[in-house]
Amino acid sequence: MERYYAYWQSPPHFTAGTGLSRYHALGEGPAPEAVAGEVDEHGLHHYQRVCNALRDHPAPEPWFPRIYDAATHDLTRDGYKNDRTVRESGFDLTHRFGFCGLAVRDYLPVCLNSLLYVMETDIAAIRRTLGRGEDSIATWGQAAATRAATMRERF
């Protein structure tokens, strides 16, 4: 549990300036499953459909140029990173993190940070039950209290 927690508390997932975590995939470029396995009845893969939707969007968001290159009709490096990241989040079929989820790395999700808060309290409780170090129990309790205060302040 502590190793999994460490994954979310390490950069690029953890954002030191905020004290909270975010989704952030580690891979680069197009997700292989999106190019090879997500072809529609017109022969278009996921990225072709997304680029068409970005090009034709009636009210483009100001952040679209960071993720879509209109000149090449392709996603940018950030666009592919954000697509991979929204897949990592499990919310890839929603617009929860912007249009097609492509602003996902701009969010500090309540859901993820709430789960991390529960992990912190659970680890403290497990250590307490097992009699594993009062200092460590206090550290985990403090981490939970800090995250709760930060979430209340930011959210």
Protein backbone atom coordinates (compact mmCIF):
# COMPACT_ATOMS: atom_id res chain seq x y z
CA MET A 1 0.00 0.00 0.00
CA GLU A 2 2.85 2.36 0.84
CA ARG A 3 4.59 1.63 -2.48
CA TYR A 4 1.40 2.37 -4.39
CA TYR A 5 0.92 5.55 -2.37
CA ALA A 6 4.52 6.56 -3.18
CA TYR A 7 3.73 6.33 -6.91
CA TRP A 8 1.06 9.03 -6.53
CA GLN A 9 3.21 11.11 -4.20
CA SER A 10 6.17 11.30 -6.58
CA PRO A 11 6.60 13.75 -9.47
CA PRO A 12 5.08 14.12 -11.99
CA HIS A 13 1.97 12.91 -10.13
CA PHE A 14 2.66 14.95 -7.01
CA THR A 15 2.75 18.70 -7.58
CA ALA A 16 4.88 20.24 -4.86
CA GLY A 17 3.49 23.73 -5.42
CA THR A 18 0.01 22.54 -4.50
CA GLY A 19 0.69 19.71 -2.08
CA LEU A 20 -1.73 17.54 -4.04
CA SER A 21 -1.55 14.84 -6.69
CA ARG A 22 -2.83 14.57 -10.25
CA TYR A 23 -3.07 12.02 -13.00
CA HIS A 24 -0.03 12.04 -15.30
CA ALA A 25 0.81 9.14 -17.61
CA LEU A 26 4.45 8.23 -18.02
CA GLY A 27 4.32 7.12 -21.69
CA GLU A 28 4.92 9.30 -24.74
CA GLY A 29 3.21 9.53 -28.11
CA PRO A 30 0.00 7.88 -29.24
CA ALA A 31 -1.35 5.07 -27.06
CA PRO A 32 -0.88 1.90 -29.16
CA GLU A 33 -4.40 0.66 -28.45
CA ALA A 34 -5.86 3.93 -29.74
CA VAL A 35 -4.14 3.62 -33.12
CA ALA A 36 -4.46 -0.13 -33.65
CA GLY A 37 -7.61 -1.12 -31.86
CA GLU A 38 -10.04 1.78 -31.86
CA VAL A 39 -11.04 2.04 -35.52
CA ASP A 40 -14.62 3.05 -36.31
CA GLU A 41 -16.88 2.06 -39.22
CA HIS A 42 -15.25 4.78 -41.39
CA GLY A 43 -11.74 3.44 -40.75
CA LEU A 44 -10.79 6.33 -38.45
CA HIS A 45 -8.82 5.66 -35.30
CA HIS A 46 -9.36 7.52 -32.05
CA TYR A 47 -6.85 10.30 -32.72
CA GLN A 48 -8.26 11.05 -36.17
CA ARG A 49 -11.74 11.41 -34.64
CA VAL A 50 -10.43 13.60 -31.81
CA CYS A 51 -8.51 15.86 -34.22
CA ASN A 52 -11.61 16.19 -36.41
CA ALA A 53 -13.66 17.13 -33.35
CA LEU A 54 -11.05 19.69 -32.24
CA ARG A 55 -10.87 21.19 -35.73
CA ASP A 56 -14.66 21.42 -36.04
CA HIS A 57 -15.43 22.48 -32.46
CA PRO A 58 -17.84 25.45 -32.53
CA ALA A 59 -16.30 27.13 -29.48
CA PRO A 60 -12.62 26.17 -29.16
CA GLU A 61 -11.12 26.38 -25.69
CA PRO A 62 -8.08 28.68 -25.24
CA TRP A 63 -5.96 25.66 -24.35
CA PHE A 64 -6.69 23.79 -27.62
CA PRO A 65 -3.43 25.00 -29.30
CA ARG A 66 -1.42 23.27 -26.56
CA ILE A 67 -2.92 19.92 -27.52
CA TYR A 68 -3.82 20.26 -31.20
CA ASP A 69 -1.73 21.48 -34.13
CA ALA A 70 -4.19 22.74 -36.75
CA ALA A 71 -1.47 23.00 -39.40
CA THR A 72 -0.65 19.28 -39.23
CA HIS A 73 -4.12 18.20 -38.07
CA ASP A 74 -2.51 16.16 -35.31
CA LEU A 75 -2.23 16.19 -31.56
CA THR A 76 0.83 17.83 -30.06
CA ARG A 77 3.17 16.06 -27.66
CA ASP A 78 1.03 17.47 -24.81
CA GLY A 79 -2.12 16.25 -26.55
CA TYR A 80 -0.83 12.68 -26.68
CA LYS A 81 0.42 12.90 -23.09
CA ASN A 82 -2.98 14.14 -21.94
CA ASP A 83 -4.77 11.40 -23.87
CA ARG A 84 -2.58 8.78 -22.19
CA THR A 85 -3.20 10.48 -18.86
CA VAL A 86 -6.98 10.52 -19.14
CA ARG A 87 -6.78 6.81 -19.94
CA GLU A 88 -4.72 6.32 -16.77
CA SER A 89 -7.41 8.14 -14.79
CA GLY A 90 -10.14 5.77 -15.91
CA PHE A 91 -12.31 8.73 -16.95
CA ASP A 92 -11.45 8.49 -20.65
CA LEU A 93 -15.06 8.33 -21.81
CA THR A 94 -16.10 11.64 -20.28
CA HIS A 95 -15.42 15.35 -20.63
CA ARG A 96 -14.69 15.52 -16.91
CA PHE A 97 -11.23 16.96 -17.57
CA GLY A 98 -12.07 19.27 -20.46
CA PHE A 99 -13.04 18.45 -24.02
CA CYS A 100 -12.26 14.75 -24.62
CA GLY A 101 -10.44 14.80 -21.27
CA LEU A 102 -7.53 16.57 -22.92
CA ALA A 103 -6.92 19.09 -20.12
CA VAL A 104 -6.50 16.34 -17.53
CA ARG A 105 -3.03 17.35 -16.33
CA ASP A 106 -4.41 20.82 -15.48
CA TYR A 107 -6.61 19.30 -12.76
CA LEU A 108 -5.97 18.24 -9.18
CA PRO A 109 -8.82 15.73 -8.98
CA VAL A 110 -10.90 15.57 -5.82
CA CYS A 111 -11.41 11.84 -6.42
CA LEU A 112 -7.70 10.99 -6.54
CA ASN A 113 -6.77 13.18 -3.60
CA SER A 114 -9.67 11.81 -1.56
CA LEU A 115 -8.44 8.28 -2.21
CA LEU A 116 -4.93 9.29 -1.15
CA TYR A 117 -6.35 10.81 2.04
CA VAL A 118 -8.11 7.51 2.80
CA MET A 119 -4.85 5.65 2.08
CA GLU A 120 -3.01 7.87 4.56
CA THR A 121 -5.58 7.26 7.28
CA ASP A 122 -5.73 3.53 6.49
CA ILE A 123 -1.95 3.14 6.61
CA ALA A 124 -1.88 4.90 9.98
CA ALA A 125 -4.66 2.61 11.27
CA ILE A 126 -2.97 -0.54 9.96
CA ARG A 127 0.34 0.46 11.53
CA ARG A 128 -1.45 1.23 14.80
CA THR A 129 -3.19 -2.18 14.77
CA LEU A 130 0.09 -3.95 14.07
CA GLY A 131 1.96 -1.89 16.67
CA ARG A 132 4.40 -0.56 14.07
CA GLY A 133 6.10 2.62 15.25
CA GLU A 134 4.34 5.55 16.88
CA ASP A 135 6.47 8.00 14.88
CA SER A 136 5.34 6.44 11.61
CA ILE A 137 1.70 6.41 12.72
CA ALA A 138 1.94 10.10 13.57
CA THR A 139 3.61 10.83 10.22
CA TRP A 140 0.77 9.16 8.31
CA GLY A 141 -1.83 10.92 10.43
CA GLN A 142 -0.15 14.26 9.79
CA ALA A 143 -0.01 13.56 6.04
CA ALA A 144 -3.78 12.92 6.08
CA ALA A 145 -4.46 16.07 8.11
CA THR A 146 -2.31 18.16 5.78
CA ARG A 147 -4.01 16.77 2.66
CA ALA A 148 -7.47 17.36 4.18
CA ALA A 149 -6.60 20.97 5.01
CA THR A 150 -5.12 21.55 1.55
CA MET A 151 -8.17 20.04 -0.13
CA ARG A 152 -10.54 22.19 1.93
CA GLU A 153 -8.53 25.27 1.03
CA ARG A 154 -8.25 24.53 -2.71
CA PHE A 155 -11.54 22.78 -3.37
